[in-house]
């Protein structure tokens, strides 16, 4: 009894050669398939990265716009003699921005930690 084991997307040359004996041209077809799969995966990863980057850009700009609007509203309330409401709105805005920032950082760290763990578990 004999057992063989290999790791990775492409089998060793001896295995490809044996398949090629059974099905002529198999090794080349297999390599083309592996290259296409690799190209497809790279394209998907690029699309995901570009999409996330675009979403982060829009999120950042909308957050800035909302912060400016709330700040302007707060100062308007203060100028209208409603200092308590204006100050409360400023404090609520600052607390909201800090909570969103901290939550985003924690989620980013968690995601990075999961990626590092996944990479350390994957066979090389």
PDB file of N, CA and C in Angstrom:
ATOM      1  N   UNK A   1       0.840  -1.168   0.000  1.00  0.00           N
ATOM      2  CA  UNK A   1       0.000   0.000   0.000  1.00  0.00           C
ATOM      3  C   UNK A   1       0.893   1.243   0.000  1.00  0.00           C
ATOM      4  N   UNK A   2       0.499   2.209  -0.804  1.00  0.00           N
ATOM      5  CA  UNK A   2       1.286   3.432  -0.913  1.00  0.00           C
ATOM      6  C   UNK A   2       0.339   4.619  -0.869  1.00  0.00           C
ATOM      7  N   UNK A   3       0.741   5.645  -0.139  1.00  0.00           N
ATOM      8  CA  UNK A   3      -0.074   6.856  -0.057  1.00  0.00           C
ATOM      9  C   UNK A   3       0.790   8.046  -0.431  1.00  0.00           C
ATOM     10  N   UNK A   4       0.182   8.970  -1.172  1.00  0.00           N
ATOM     11  CA  UNK A   4       0.880  10.196  -1.551  1.00  0.00           C
ATOM     12  C   UNK A   4       0.033  11.374  -1.113  1.00  0.00           C
ATOM     13  N   UNK A   5       0.723  12.434  -0.784  1.00  0.00           N
ATOM     14  CA  UNK A   5       0.022  13.642  -0.345  1.00  0.00           C
ATOM     15  C   UNK A   5       0.762  14.857  -0.878  1.00  0.00           C
ATOM     16  N   UNK A   6       0.001  15.814  -1.339  1.00  0.00           N
ATOM     17  CA  UNK A   6       0.600  17.080  -1.743  1.00  0.00           C
ATOM     18  C   UNK A   6      -0.346  18.190  -1.332  1.00  0.00           C
ATOM     19  N   UNK A   7       0.223  19.356  -1.233  1.00  0.00           N
ATOM     20  CA  UNK A   7      -0.552  20.512  -0.805  1.00  0.00           C
ATOM     21  C   UNK A   7      -0.411  21.602  -1.853  1.00  0.00           C
ATOM     22  N   UNK A   8      -1.503  22.297  -2.128  1.00  0.00           N
ATOM     23  CA  UNK A   8      -1.449  23.386  -3.086  1.00  0.00           C
ATOM     24  C   UNK A   8      -2.387  23.144  -4.248  1.00  0.00           C
ATOM     25  N   UNK A   9      -2.552  24.155  -5.080  1.00  0.00           N
ATOM     26  CA  UNK A   9      -3.507  24.029  -6.185  1.00  0.00           C
ATOM     27  C   UNK A   9      -3.000  23.201  -7.367  1.00  0.00           C
ATOM     28  N   UNK A  10      -1.687  23.042  -7.477  1.00  0.00           N
ATOM     29  CA  UNK A  10      -1.124  22.326  -8.627  1.00  0.00           C
ATOM     30  C   UNK A  10      -0.423  21.063  -8.125  1.00  0.00           C
ATOM     31  N   UNK A  11      -0.783  19.905  -8.694  1.00  0.00           N
ATOM     32  CA  UNK A  11      -0.129  18.664  -8.263  1.00  0.00           C
ATOM     33  C   UNK A  11       1.324  18.611  -8.739  1.00  0.00           C
ATOM     34  N   UNK A  12       2.106  17.724  -8.150  1.00  0.00           N
ATOM     35  CA  UNK A  12       3.504  17.584  -8.572  1.00  0.00           C
ATOM     36  C   UNK A  12       3.601  17.161 -10.046  1.00  0.00           C
ATOM     37  N   UNK A  13       4.740  17.457 -10.673  1.00  0.00           N
ATOM     38  CA  UNK A  13       4.907  17.126 -12.101  1.00  0.00           C
ATOM     39  C   UNK A  13       4.683  15.647 -12.418  1.00  0.00           C
ATOM     40  N   UNK A  14       5.073  14.748 -11.509  1.00  0.00           N
ATOM     41  CA  UNK A  14       4.905  13.316 -11.766  1.00  0.00           C
ATOM     42  C   UNK A  14       3.416  12.962 -11.912  1.00  0.00           C
ATOM     43  N   UNK A  15       2.583  13.569 -11.086  1.00  0.00           N
ATOM     44  CA  UNK A  15       1.151  13.292 -11.140  1.00  0.00           C
ATOM     45  C   UNK A  15       0.570  13.831 -12.442  1.00  0.00           C
ATOM     46  N   UNK A  16       0.973  15.046 -12.803  1.00  0.00           N
ATOM     47  CA  UNK A  16       0.500  15.611 -14.069  1.00  0.00           C
ATOM     48  C   UNK A  16       0.936  14.753 -15.255  1.00  0.00           C
ATOM     49  N   UNK A  17       2.152  14.235 -15.171  1.00  0.00           N
ATOM     50  CA  UNK A  17       2.652  13.381 -16.256  1.00  0.00           C
ATOM     51  C   UNK A  17       1.820  12.102 -16.366  1.00  0.00           C
ATOM     52  N   UNK A  18       1.452  11.532 -15.230  1.00  0.00           N
ATOM     53  CA  UNK A  18       0.623  10.320 -15.253  1.00  0.00           C
ATOM     54  C   UNK A  18      -0.762  10.624 -15.840  1.00  0.00           C
ATOM     55  N   UNK A  19      -1.337  11.756 -15.462  1.00  0.00           N
ATOM     56  CA  UNK A  19      -2.630  12.146 -16.039  1.00  0.00           C
ATOM     57  C   UNK A  19      -2.498  12.379 -17.541  1.00  0.00           C
ATOM     58  N   UNK A  20      -1.385  12.965 -17.937  1.00  0.00           N
ATOM     59  CA  UNK A  20      -1.143  13.252 -19.354  1.00  0.00           C
ATOM     60  C   UNK A  20      -1.063  11.959 -20.167  1.00  0.00           C
ATOM     61  N   UNK A  21      -0.557  10.896 -19.553  1.00  0.00           N
ATOM     62  CA  UNK A  21      -0.502   9.601 -20.243  1.00  0.00           C
ATOM     63  C   UNK A  21      -1.912   9.060 -20.460  1.00  0.00           C
ATOM     64  N   UNK A  22      -2.783   9.266 -19.471  1.00  0.00           N
ATOM     65  CA  UNK A  22      -4.165   8.790 -19.588  1.00  0.00           C
ATOM     66  C   UNK A  22      -4.982   9.652 -20.554  1.00  0.00           C
ATOM     67  N   UNK A  23      -4.829  10.972 -20.426  1.00  0.00           N
ATOM     68  CA  UNK A  23      -5.582  11.919 -21.260  1.00  0.00           C
ATOM     69  C   UNK A  23      -4.577  12.878 -21.879  1.00  0.00           C
ATOM     70  N   UNK A  24      -4.240  12.688 -23.146  1.00  0.00           N
ATOM     71  CA  UNK A  24      -3.246  13.574 -23.773  1.00  0.00           C
ATOM     72  C   UNK A  24      -3.681  15.041 -23.706  1.00  0.00           C
ATOM     73  N   UNK A  25      -2.732  15.893 -23.330  1.00  0.00           N
ATOM     74  CA  UNK A  25      -3.004  17.327 -23.231  1.00  0.00           C
ATOM     75  C   UNK A  25      -3.608  17.754 -21.910  1.00  0.00           C
ATOM     76  N   UNK A  26      -3.790  16.800 -20.995  1.00  0.00           N
ATOM     77  CA  UNK A  26      -4.428  17.121 -19.713  1.00  0.00           C
ATOM     78  C   UNK A  26      -3.617  18.132 -18.913  1.00  0.00           C
ATOM     79  N   UNK A  27      -2.314  17.951 -18.854  1.00  0.00           N
ATOM     80  CA  UNK A  27      -1.472  18.833 -18.041  1.00  0.00           C
ATOM     81  C   UNK A  27      -1.608  20.285 -18.496  1.00  0.00           C
ATOM     82  N   UNK A  28      -1.581  20.489 -19.813  1.00  0.00           N
ATOM     83  CA  UNK A  28      -1.710  21.861 -20.315  1.00  0.00           C
ATOM     84  C   UNK A  28      -3.095  22.429 -19.999  1.00  0.00           C
ATOM     85  N   UNK A  29      -4.149  21.614 -20.201  1.00  0.00           N
ATOM     86  CA  UNK A  29      -5.507  22.077 -19.891  1.00  0.00           C
ATOM     87  C   UNK A  29      -5.634  22.394 -18.400  1.00  0.00           C
ATOM     88  N   UNK A  30      -5.009  21.565 -17.580  1.00  0.00           N
ATOM     89  CA  UNK A  30      -5.066  21.787 -16.135  1.00  0.00           C
ATOM     90  C   UNK A  30      -4.373  23.100 -15.764  1.00  0.00           C
ATOM     91  N   UNK A  31      -3.214  23.358 -16.364  1.00  0.00           N
ATOM     92  CA  UNK A  31      -2.474  24.586 -16.066  1.00  0.00           C
ATOM     93  C   UNK A  31      -3.252  25.823 -16.533  1.00  0.00           C
ATOM     94  N   UNK A  32      -3.892  25.732 -17.702  1.00  0.00           N
ATOM     95  CA  UNK A  32      -4.704  26.848 -18.202  1.00  0.00           C
ATOM     96  C   UNK A  32      -5.863  27.104 -17.242  1.00  0.00           C
ATOM     97  N   UNK A  33      -6.491  26.012 -16.765  1.00  0.00           N
ATOM     98  CA  UNK A  33      -7.598  26.160 -15.818  1.00  0.00           C
ATOM     99  C   UNK A  33      -7.112  26.825 -14.520  1.00  0.00           C
ATOM    100  N   UNK A  34      -5.956  26.403 -14.029  1.00  0.00           N
ATOM    101  CA  UNK A  34      -5.411  26.985 -12.799  1.00  0.00           C
ATOM    102  C   UNK A  34      -5.086  28.465 -12.995  1.00  0.00           C
ATOM    103  N   UNK A  35      -4.543  28.819 -14.144  1.00  0.00           N
ATOM    104  CA  UNK A  35      -4.237  30.226 -14.429  1.00  0.00           C
ATOM    105  C   UNK A  35      -5.511  31.066 -14.521  1.00  0.00           C
ATOM    106  N   UNK A  36      -6.531  30.519 -15.176  1.00  0.00           N
ATOM    107  CA  UNK A  36      -7.802  31.242 -15.271  1.00  0.00           C
ATOM    108  C   UNK A  36      -8.419  31.448 -13.889  1.00  0.00           C
ATOM    109  N   UNK A  37      -8.363  30.420 -13.060  1.00  0.00           N
ATOM    110  CA  UNK A  37      -8.910  30.524 -11.708  1.00  0.00           C
ATOM    111  C   UNK A  37      -8.152  31.576 -10.907  1.00  0.00           C
ATOM    112  N   UNK A  38      -6.841  31.592 -11.041  1.00  0.00           N
ATOM    113  CA  UNK A  38      -6.022  32.577 -10.340  1.00  0.00           C
ATOM    114  C   UNK A  38      -6.351  33.993 -10.807  1.00  0.00           C
ATOM    115  N   UNK A  39      -6.465  34.172 -12.128  1.00  0.00           N
ATOM    116  CA  UNK A  39      -6.821  35.491 -12.664  1.00  0.00           C
ATOM    117  C   UNK A  39      -8.198  35.930 -12.175  1.00  0.00           C
ATOM    118  N   UNK A  40      -9.141  34.991 -12.160  1.00  0.00           N
ATOM    119  CA  UNK A  40     -10.500  35.304 -11.700  1.00  0.00           C
ATOM    120  C   UNK A  40     -10.490  35.722 -10.231  1.00  0.00           C
ATOM    121  N   UNK A  41      -9.741  35.006  -9.428  1.00  0.00           N
ATOM    122  CA  UNK A  41      -9.671  35.335  -7.994  1.00  0.00           C
ATOM    123  C   UNK A  41      -9.047  36.713  -7.784  1.00  0.00           C
ATOM    124  N   UNK A  42      -7.989  37.010  -8.520  1.00  0.00           N
ATOM    125  CA  UNK A  42      -7.355  38.330  -8.412  1.00  0.00           C
ATOM    126  C   UNK A  42      -8.325  39.437  -8.826  1.00  0.00           C
ATOM    127  N   UNK A  43      -9.090  39.186  -9.865  1.00  0.00           N
ATOM    128  CA  UNK A  43     -10.065  40.172 -10.329  1.00  0.00           C
ATOM    129  C   UNK A  43     -11.145  40.416  -9.260  1.00  0.00           C
ATOM    130  N   UNK A  44     -11.625  39.330  -8.658  1.00  0.00           N
ATOM    131  CA  UNK A  44     -12.629  39.470  -7.599  1.00  0.00           C
ATOM    132  C   UNK A  44     -12.074  40.239  -6.400  1.00  0.00           C
ATOM    133  N   UNK A  45     -10.867  39.894  -5.993  1.00  0.00           N
ATOM    134  CA  UNK A  45     -10.247  40.592  -4.862  1.00  0.00           C
ATOM    135  C   UNK A  45     -10.061  42.067  -5.171  1.00  0.00           C
ATOM    136  N   UNK A  46      -9.657  42.381  -6.392  1.00  0.00           N
ATOM    137  CA  UNK A  46      -9.484  43.774  -6.793  1.00  0.00           C
ATOM    138  C   UNK A  46     -10.817  44.515  -6.761  1.00  0.00           C
ATOM    139  N   UNK A  47     -11.878  43.864  -7.232  1.00  0.00           N
ATOM    140  CA  UNK A  47     -13.207  44.482  -7.218  1.00  0.00           C
ATOM    141  C   UNK A  47     -13.665  44.758  -5.792  1.00  0.00           C
ATOM    142  N   UNK A  48     -13.442  43.799  -4.899  1.00  0.00           N
ATOM    143  CA  UNK A  48     -13.840  43.968  -3.496  1.00  0.00           C
ATOM    144  C   UNK A  48     -13.055  45.108  -2.859  1.00  0.00           C
ATOM    145  N   UNK A  49     -11.762  45.154  -3.100  1.00  0.00           N
ATOM    146  CA  UNK A  49     -10.929  46.206  -2.501  1.00  0.00           C
ATOM    147  C   UNK A  49     -11.348  47.576  -3.016  1.00  0.00           C
ATOM    148  N   UNK A  50     -11.574  47.688  -4.326  1.00  0.00           N
ATOM    149  CA  UNK A  50     -12.004  48.975  -4.889  1.00  0.00           C
ATOM    150  C   UNK A  50     -13.359  49.379  -4.338  1.00  0.00           C
ATOM    151  N   UNK A  51     -14.275  48.436  -4.205  1.00  0.00           N
ATOM    152  CA  UNK A  51     -15.601  48.730  -3.656  1.00  0.00           C
ATOM    153  C   UNK A  51     -15.534  49.201  -2.218  1.00  0.00           C
ATOM    154  N   UNK A  52     -14.730  48.525  -1.411  1.00  0.00           N
ATOM    155  CA  UNK A  52     -14.584  48.933  -0.006  1.00  0.00           C
ATOM    156  C   UNK A  52     -13.961  50.314   0.089  1.00  0.00           C
ATOM    157  N   UNK A  53     -12.975  50.572  -0.744  1.00  0.00           N
ATOM    158  CA  UNK A  53     -12.314  51.874  -0.731  1.00  0.00           C
ATOM    159  C   UNK A  53     -13.295  52.976  -1.094  1.00  0.00           C
ATOM    160  N   UNK A  54     -14.110  52.723  -2.122  1.00  0.00           N
ATOM    161  CA  UNK A  54     -15.116  53.708  -2.542  1.00  0.00           C
ATOM    162  C   UNK A  54     -16.136  53.946  -1.424  1.00  0.00           C
ATOM    163  N   UNK A  55     -16.589  52.870  -0.785  1.00  0.00           N
ATOM    164  CA  UNK A  55     -17.561  53.007   0.302  1.00  0.00           C
ATOM    165  C   UNK A  55     -16.976  53.786   1.479  1.00  0.00           C
ATOM    166  N   UNK A  56     -15.720  53.510   1.802  1.00  0.00           N
ATOM    167  CA  UNK A  56     -15.076  54.240   2.897  1.00  0.00           C
ATOM    168  C   UNK A  56     -14.954  55.727   2.551  1.00  0.00           C
ATOM    169  N   UNK A  57     -14.607  56.028   1.299  1.00  0.00           N
ATOM    170  CA  UNK A  57     -14.468  57.423   0.874  1.00  0.00           C
ATOM    171  C   UNK A  57     -15.796  58.147   1.024  1.00  0.00           C
ATOM    172  N   UNK A  58     -16.882  57.536   0.512  1.00  0.00           N
ATOM    173  CA  UNK A  58     -18.201  58.172   0.620  1.00  0.00           C
ATOM    174  C   UNK A  58     -18.627  58.286   2.078  1.00  0.00           C
ATOM    175  N   UNK A  59     -18.389  57.264   2.880  1.00  0.00           N
ATOM    176  CA  UNK A  59     -18.743  57.307   4.290  1.00  0.00           C
ATOM    177  C   UNK A  59     -18.027  58.430   5.024  1.00  0.00           C
ATOM    178  N   UNK A  60     -16.759  58.592   4.727  1.00  0.00           N
ATOM    179  CA  UNK A  60     -15.983  59.654   5.356  1.00  0.00           C
ATOM    180  C   UNK A  60     -16.527  61.030   4.987  1.00  0.00           C
ATOM    181  N   UNK A  61     -16.848  61.221   3.722  1.00  0.00           N
ATOM    182  CA  UNK A  61     -17.354  62.519   3.285  1.00  0.00           C
ATOM    183  C   UNK A  61     -18.755  62.812   3.826  1.00  0.00           C
ATOM    184  N   UNK A  62     -19.610  61.806   3.871  1.00  0.00           N
ATOM    185  CA  UNK A  62     -20.939  62.015   4.456  1.00  0.00           C
ATOM    186  C   UNK A  62     -20.842  62.302   5.953  1.00  0.00           C
ATOM    187  N   UNK A  63     -19.941  61.610   6.642  1.00  0.00           N
ATOM    188  CA  UNK A  63     -19.755  61.861   8.069  1.00  0.00           C
ATOM    189  C   UNK A  63     -19.272  63.300   8.302  1.00  0.00           C
ATOM    190  N   UNK A  64     -18.356  63.758   7.458  1.00  0.00           N
ATOM    191  CA  UNK A  64     -17.868  65.134   7.583  1.00  0.00           C
ATOM    192  C   UNK A  64     -19.010  66.122   7.348  1.00  0.00           C
ATOM    193  N   UNK A  65     -19.804  65.868   6.321  1.00  0.00           N
ATOM    194  CA  UNK A  65     -20.929  66.748   6.013  1.00  0.00           C
ATOM    195  C   UNK A  65     -21.926  66.793   7.169  1.00  0.00           C
ATOM    196  N   UNK A  66     -22.243  65.637   7.724  1.00  0.00           N
ATOM    197  CA  UNK A  66     -23.161  65.610   8.870  1.00  0.00           C
ATOM    198  C   UNK A  66     -22.579  66.335  10.079  1.00  0.00           C
ATOM    199  N   UNK A  67     -21.284  66.157  10.317  1.00  0.00           N
ATOM    200  CA  UNK A  67     -20.644  66.832  11.445  1.00  0.00           C
ATOM    201  C   UNK A  67     -20.709  68.349  11.268  1.00  0.00           C
ATOM    202  N   UNK A  68     -20.451  68.816  10.062  1.00  0.00           N
ATOM    203  CA  UNK A  68     -20.517  70.260   9.797  1.00  0.00           C
ATOM    204  C   UNK A  68     -21.950  70.765   9.986  1.00  0.00           C
ATOM    205  N   UNK A  69     -22.928  70.025   9.475  1.00  0.00           N
ATOM    206  CA  UNK A  69     -24.325  70.446   9.614  1.00  0.00           C
ATOM    207  C   UNK A  69     -24.766  70.471  11.085  1.00  0.00           C
ATOM    208  N   UNK A  70     -24.416  69.443  11.832  1.00  0.00           N
ATOM    209  CA  UNK A  70     -24.770  69.430  13.254  1.00  0.00           C
ATOM    210  C   UNK A  70     -24.045  70.542  14.006  1.00  0.00           C
ATOM    211  N   UNK A  71     -22.781  70.765  13.662  1.00  0.00           N
ATOM    212  CA  UNK A  71     -22.042  71.860  14.299  1.00  0.00           C
ATOM    213  C   UNK A  71     -22.676  73.201  14.006  1.00  0.00           C
ATOM    214  N   UNK A  72     -23.044  73.425  12.745  1.00  0.00           N
ATOM    215  CA  UNK A  72     -23.691  74.684  12.370  1.00  0.00           C
ATOM    216  C   UNK A  72     -25.033  74.820  13.084  1.00  0.00           C
ATOM    217  N   UNK A  73     -25.779  73.732  13.170  1.00  0.00           N
ATOM    218  CA  UNK A  73     -27.058  73.758  13.887  1.00  0.00           C
ATOM    219  C   UNK A  73     -26.868  74.069  15.357  1.00  0.00           C
ATOM    220  N   UNK A  74     -25.815  73.519  15.939  1.00  0.00           N
ATOM    221  CA  UNK A  74     -25.526  73.791  17.351  1.00  0.00           C
ATOM    222  C   UNK A  74     -25.234  75.273  17.568  1.00  0.00           C
ATOM    223  N   UNK A  75     -24.383  75.832  16.731  1.00  0.00           N
ATOM    224  CA  UNK A  75     -24.054  77.253  16.883  1.00  0.00           C
ATOM    225  C   UNK A  75     -25.265  78.147  16.608  1.00  0.00           C
ATOM    226  N   UNK A  76     -26.114  77.723  15.679  1.00  0.00           N
ATOM    227  CA  UNK A  76     -27.342  78.476  15.419  1.00  0.00           C
ATOM    228  C   UNK A  76     -28.221  78.490  16.664  1.00  0.00           C
ATOM    229  N   UNK A  77     -28.352  77.329  17.307  1.00  0.00           N
ATOM    230  CA  UNK A  77     -29.154  77.268  18.540  1.00  0.00           C
ATOM    231  C   UNK A  77     -28.571  78.159  19.626  1.00  0.00           C
ATOM    232  N   UNK A  78     -27.259  78.151  19.746  1.00  0.00           N
ATOM    233  CA  UNK A  78     -26.605  78.996  20.758  1.00  0.00           C
ATOM    234  C   UNK A  78     -26.857  80.468  20.455  1.00  0.00           C
ATOM    235  N   UNK A  79     -26.726  80.860  19.178  1.00  0.00           N
ATOM    236  CA  UNK A  79     -26.956  82.257  18.793  1.00  0.00           C
ATOM    237  C   UNK A  79     -28.412  82.682  18.993  1.00  0.00           C
ATOM    238  N   UNK A  80     -29.333  81.730  18.955  1.00  0.00           N
ATOM    239  CA  UNK A  80     -30.745  82.034  19.135  1.00  0.00           C
ATOM    240  C   UNK A  80     -31.148  82.061  20.611  1.00  0.00           C
ATOM    241  N   UNK A  81     -30.182  81.911  21.490  1.00  0.00           N
ATOM    242  CA  UNK A  81     -30.468  81.966  22.922  1.00  0.00           C
ATOM    243  C   UNK A  81     -30.774  80.613  23.532  1.00  0.00           C
ATOM    244  N   UNK A  82     -30.633  79.555  22.770  1.00  0.00           N
ATOM    245  CA  UNK A  82     -30.881  78.208  23.292  1.00  0.00           C
ATOM    246  C   UNK A  82     -29.541  77.518  23.547  1.00  0.00           C
ATOM    247  N   UNK A  83     -28.775  78.105  24.462  1.00  0.00           N
ATOM    248  CA  UNK A  83     -27.413  77.629  24.725  1.00  0.00           C
ATOM    249  C   UNK A  83     -27.399  76.188  25.211  1.00  0.00           C
ATOM    250  N   UNK A  84     -28.323  75.831  26.076  1.00  0.00           N
ATOM    251  CA  UNK A  84     -28.342  74.465  26.613  1.00  0.00           C
ATOM    252  C   UNK A  84     -28.558  73.449  25.497  1.00  0.00           C
ATOM    253  N   UNK A  85     -29.518  73.732  24.627  1.00  0.00           N
ATOM    254  CA  UNK A  85     -29.783  72.811  23.510  1.00  0.00           C
ATOM    255  C   UNK A  85     -28.595  72.772  22.551  1.00  0.00           C
ATOM    256  N   UNK A  86     -27.986  73.927  22.280  1.00  0.00           N
ATOM    257  CA  UNK A  86     -26.841  73.982  21.378  1.00  0.00           C
ATOM    258  C   UNK A  86     -25.658  73.209  21.926  1.00  0.00           C
ATOM    259  N   UNK A  87     -25.373  73.385  23.202  1.00  0.00           N
ATOM    260  CA  UNK A  87     -24.247  72.673  23.824  1.00  0.00           C
ATOM    261  C   UNK A  87     -24.537  71.172  23.887  1.00  0.00           C
ATOM    262  N   UNK A  88     -25.787  70.822  24.196  1.00  0.00           N
ATOM    263  CA  UNK A  88     -26.163  69.403  24.232  1.00  0.00           C
ATOM    264  C   UNK A  88     -25.976  68.770  22.858  1.00  0.00           C
ATOM    265  N   UNK A  89     -26.335  69.494  21.807  1.00  0.00           N
ATOM    266  CA  UNK A  89     -26.182  68.970  20.448  1.00  0.00           C
ATOM    267  C   UNK A  89     -24.707  68.810  20.086  1.00  0.00           C
ATOM    268  N   UNK A  90     -23.868  69.748  20.494  1.00  0.00           N
ATOM    269  CA  UNK A  90     -22.426  69.635  20.241  1.00  0.00           C
ATOM    270  C   UNK A  90     -21.859  68.420  20.972  1.00  0.00           C
ATOM    271  N   UNK A  91     -22.244  68.263  22.228  1.00  0.00           N
ATOM    272  CA  UNK A  91     -21.750  67.117  23.012  1.00  0.00           C
ATOM    273  C   UNK A  91     -22.221  65.807  22.390  1.00  0.00           C
ATOM    274  N   UNK A  92     -23.495  65.753  21.983  1.00  0.00           N
ATOM    275  CA  UNK A  92     -24.019  64.534  21.357  1.00  0.00           C
ATOM    276  C   UNK A  92     -23.265  64.232  20.059  1.00  0.00           C
ATOM    277  N   UNK A  93     -22.949  65.276  19.301  1.00  0.00           N
ATOM    278  CA  UNK A  93     -22.201  65.086  18.057  1.00  0.00           C
ATOM    279  C   UNK A  93     -20.815  64.526  18.329  1.00  0.00           C
ATOM    280  N   UNK A  94     -20.119  65.100  19.278  1.00  0.00           N
ATOM    281  CA  UNK A  94     -18.765  64.641  19.605  1.00  0.00           C
ATOM    282  C   UNK A  94     -18.795  63.206  20.113  1.00  0.00           C
ATOM    283  N   UNK A  95     -19.727  62.910  21.015  1.00  0.00           N
ATOM    284  CA  UNK A  95     -19.828  61.544  21.548  1.00  0.00           C
ATOM    285  C   UNK A  95     -20.141  60.564  20.414  1.00  0.00           C
ATOM    286  N   UNK A  96     -21.058  60.935  19.531  1.00  0.00           N
ATOM    287  CA  UNK A  96     -21.402  60.066  18.405  1.00  0.00           C
ATOM    288  C   UNK A  96     -20.218  59.801  17.502  1.00  0.00           C
ATOM    289  N   UNK A  97     -19.453  60.839  17.194  1.00  0.00           N
ATOM    290  CA  UNK A  97     -18.282  60.661  16.329  1.00  0.00           C
ATOM    291  C   UNK A  97     -17.227  59.776  16.992  1.00  0.00           C
ATOM    292  N   UNK A  98     -17.022  59.979  18.299  1.00  0.00           N
ATOM    293  CA  UNK A  98     -16.039  59.165  19.020  1.00  0.00           C
ATOM    294  C   UNK A  98     -16.475  57.702  19.053  1.00  0.00           C
ATOM    295  N   UNK A  99     -17.758  57.452  19.316  1.00  0.00           N
ATOM    296  CA  UNK A  99     -18.265  56.078  19.361  1.00  0.00           C
ATOM    297  C   UNK A  99     -18.105  55.413  17.993  1.00  0.00           C
ATOM    298  N   UNK A 100     -18.457  56.117  16.936  1.00  0.00           N
ATOM    299  CA  UNK A 100     -18.318  55.556  15.590  1.00  0.00           C
ATOM    300  C   UNK A 100     -16.847  55.282  15.277  1.00  0.00           C
ATOM    301  N   UNK A 101     -15.964  56.197  15.651  1.00  0.00           N
ATOM    302  CA  UNK A 101     -14.537  56.011  15.394  1.00  0.00           C
ATOM    303  C   UNK A 101     -13.999  54.796  16.142  1.00  0.00           C
ATOM    304  N   UNK A 102     -14.325  54.697  17.436  1.00  0.00           N
ATOM    305  CA  UNK A 102     -13.819  53.578  18.250  1.00  0.00           C
ATOM    306  C   UNK A 102     -14.387  52.256  17.748  1.00  0.00           C
ATOM    307  N   UNK A 103     -15.681  52.231  17.439  1.00  0.00           N
ATOM    308  CA  UNK A 103     -16.300  51.006  16.928  1.00  0.00           C
ATOM    309  C   UNK A 103     -15.644  50.587  15.617  1.00  0.00           C
ATOM    310  N   UNK A 104     -15.402  51.533  14.735  1.00  0.00           N
ATOM    311  CA  UNK A 104     -14.740  51.223  13.467  1.00  0.00           C
ATOM    312  C   UNK A 104     -13.353  50.659  13.678  1.00  0.00           C
ATOM    313  N   UNK A 105     -12.616  51.243  14.597  1.00  0.00           N
ATOM    314  CA  UNK A 105     -11.261  50.750  14.888  1.00  0.00           C
ATOM    315  C   UNK A 105     -11.295  49.331  15.444  1.00  0.00           C
ATOM    316  N   UNK A 106     -12.230  49.077  16.367  1.00  0.00           N
ATOM    317  CA  UNK A 106     -12.330  47.741  16.957  1.00  0.00           C
ATOM    318  C   UNK A 106     -12.709  46.702  15.904  1.00  0.00           C
ATOM    319  N   UNK A 107     -13.643  47.049  15.032  1.00  0.00           N
ATOM    320  CA  UNK A 107     -14.026  46.119  13.966  1.00  0.00           C
ATOM    321  C   UNK A 107     -12.866  45.872  13.009  1.00  0.00           C
ATOM    322  N   UNK A 108     -12.107  46.925  12.718  1.00  0.00           N
ATOM    323  CA  UNK A 108     -10.953  46.788  11.826  1.00  0.00           C
ATOM    324  C   UNK A 108      -9.899  45.879  12.455  1.00  0.00           C
ATOM    325  N   UNK A 109      -9.639  46.057  13.740  1.00  0.00           N
ATOM    326  CA  UNK A 109      -8.665  45.192  14.425  1.00  0.00           C
ATOM    327  C   UNK A 109      -9.126  43.743  14.433  1.00  0.00           C
ATOM    328  N   UNK A 110     -10.425  43.534  14.698  1.00  0.00           N
ATOM    329  CA  UNK A 110     -10.972  42.175  14.712  1.00  0.00           C
ATOM    330  C   UNK A 110     -10.826  41.531  13.341  1.00  0.00           C
ATOM    331  N   UNK A 111     -11.150  42.269  12.298  1.00  0.00           N
ATOM    332  CA  UNK A 111     -11.038  41.747  10.934  1.00  0.00           C
ATOM    333  C   UNK A 111      -9.583  41.424  10.595  1.00  0.00           C
ATOM    334  N   UNK A 112      -8.667  42.308  10.965  1.00  0.00           N
ATOM    335  CA  UNK A 112      -7.244  42.057  10.708  1.00  0.00           C
ATOM    336  C   UNK A 112      -6.757  40.827  11.462  1.00  0.00           C
ATOM    337  N   UNK A 113      -7.213  40.674  12.714  1.00  0.00           N
ATOM    338  CA  UNK A 113      -6.813  39.517  13.514  1.00  0.00           C
ATOM    339  C   UNK A 113      -7.324  38.230  12.876  1.00  0.00           C
ATOM    340  N   UNK A 114      -8.573  38.247  12.394  1.00  0.00           N
ATOM    341  CA  UNK A 114      -9.132  37.064  11.734  1.00  0.00           C
ATOM    342  C   UNK A 114      -8.365  36.730  10.461  1.00  0.00           C
ATOM    343  N   UNK A 115      -7.965  37.754   9.704  1.00  0.00           N
ATOM    344  CA  UNK A 115      -7.200  37.517   8.482  1.00  0.00           C
ATOM    345  C   UNK A 115      -5.842  36.911   8.802  1.00  0.00           C
ATOM    346  N   UNK A 116      -5.192  37.434   9.840  1.00  0.00           N
ATOM    347  CA  UNK A 116      -3.888  36.903  10.228  1.00  0.00           C
ATOM    348  C   UNK A 116      -4.013  35.455  10.672  1.00  0.00           C
ATOM    349  N   UNK A 117      -5.072  35.141  11.451  1.00  0.00           N
ATOM    350  CA  UNK A 117      -5.280  33.761  11.898  1.00  0.00           C
ATOM    351  C   UNK A 117      -5.559  32.841  10.716  1.00  0.00           C
ATOM    352  N   UNK A 118      -6.345  33.324   9.761  1.00  0.00           N
ATOM    353  CA  UNK A 118      -6.658  32.511   8.576  1.00  0.00           C
ATOM    354  C   UNK A 118      -5.392  32.244   7.766  1.00  0.00           C
ATOM    355  N   UNK A 119      -4.541  33.256   7.647  1.00  0.00           N
ATOM    356  CA  UNK A 119      -3.292  33.070   6.904  1.00  0.00           C
ATOM    357  C   UNK A 119      -2.352  32.105   7.608  1.00  0.00           C
ATOM    358  N   UNK A 120      -2.341  32.155   8.945  1.00  0.00           N
ATOM    359  CA  UNK A 120      -1.446  31.261   9.678  1.00  0.00           C
ATOM    360  C   UNK A 120      -1.940  29.818   9.634  1.00  0.00           C
ATOM    361  N   UNK A 121      -3.242  29.607   9.418  1.00  0.00           N
ATOM    362  CA  UNK A 121      -3.792  28.254   9.333  1.00  0.00           C
ATOM    363  C   UNK A 121      -3.673  27.671   7.927  1.00  0.00           C
ATOM    364  N   UNK A 122      -3.565  28.538   6.918  1.00  0.00           N
ATOM    365  CA  UNK A 122      -3.567  28.044   5.538  1.00  0.00           C
ATOM    366  C   UNK A 122      -2.249  27.346   5.226  1.00  0.00           C
ATOM    367  N   UNK A 123      -2.333  26.262   4.444  1.00  0.00           N
ATOM    368  CA  UNK A 123      -1.103  25.537   4.065  1.00  0.00           C
ATOM    369  C   UNK A 123      -0.287  26.370   3.083  1.00  0.00           C
ATOM    370  N   UNK A 124       1.002  26.244   3.191  1.00  0.00           N
ATOM    371  CA  UNK A 124       1.900  26.995   2.292  1.00  0.00           C
ATOM    372  C   UNK A 124       2.689  26.092   1.428  1.00  0.00           C
TER     373      UNK A 124
END
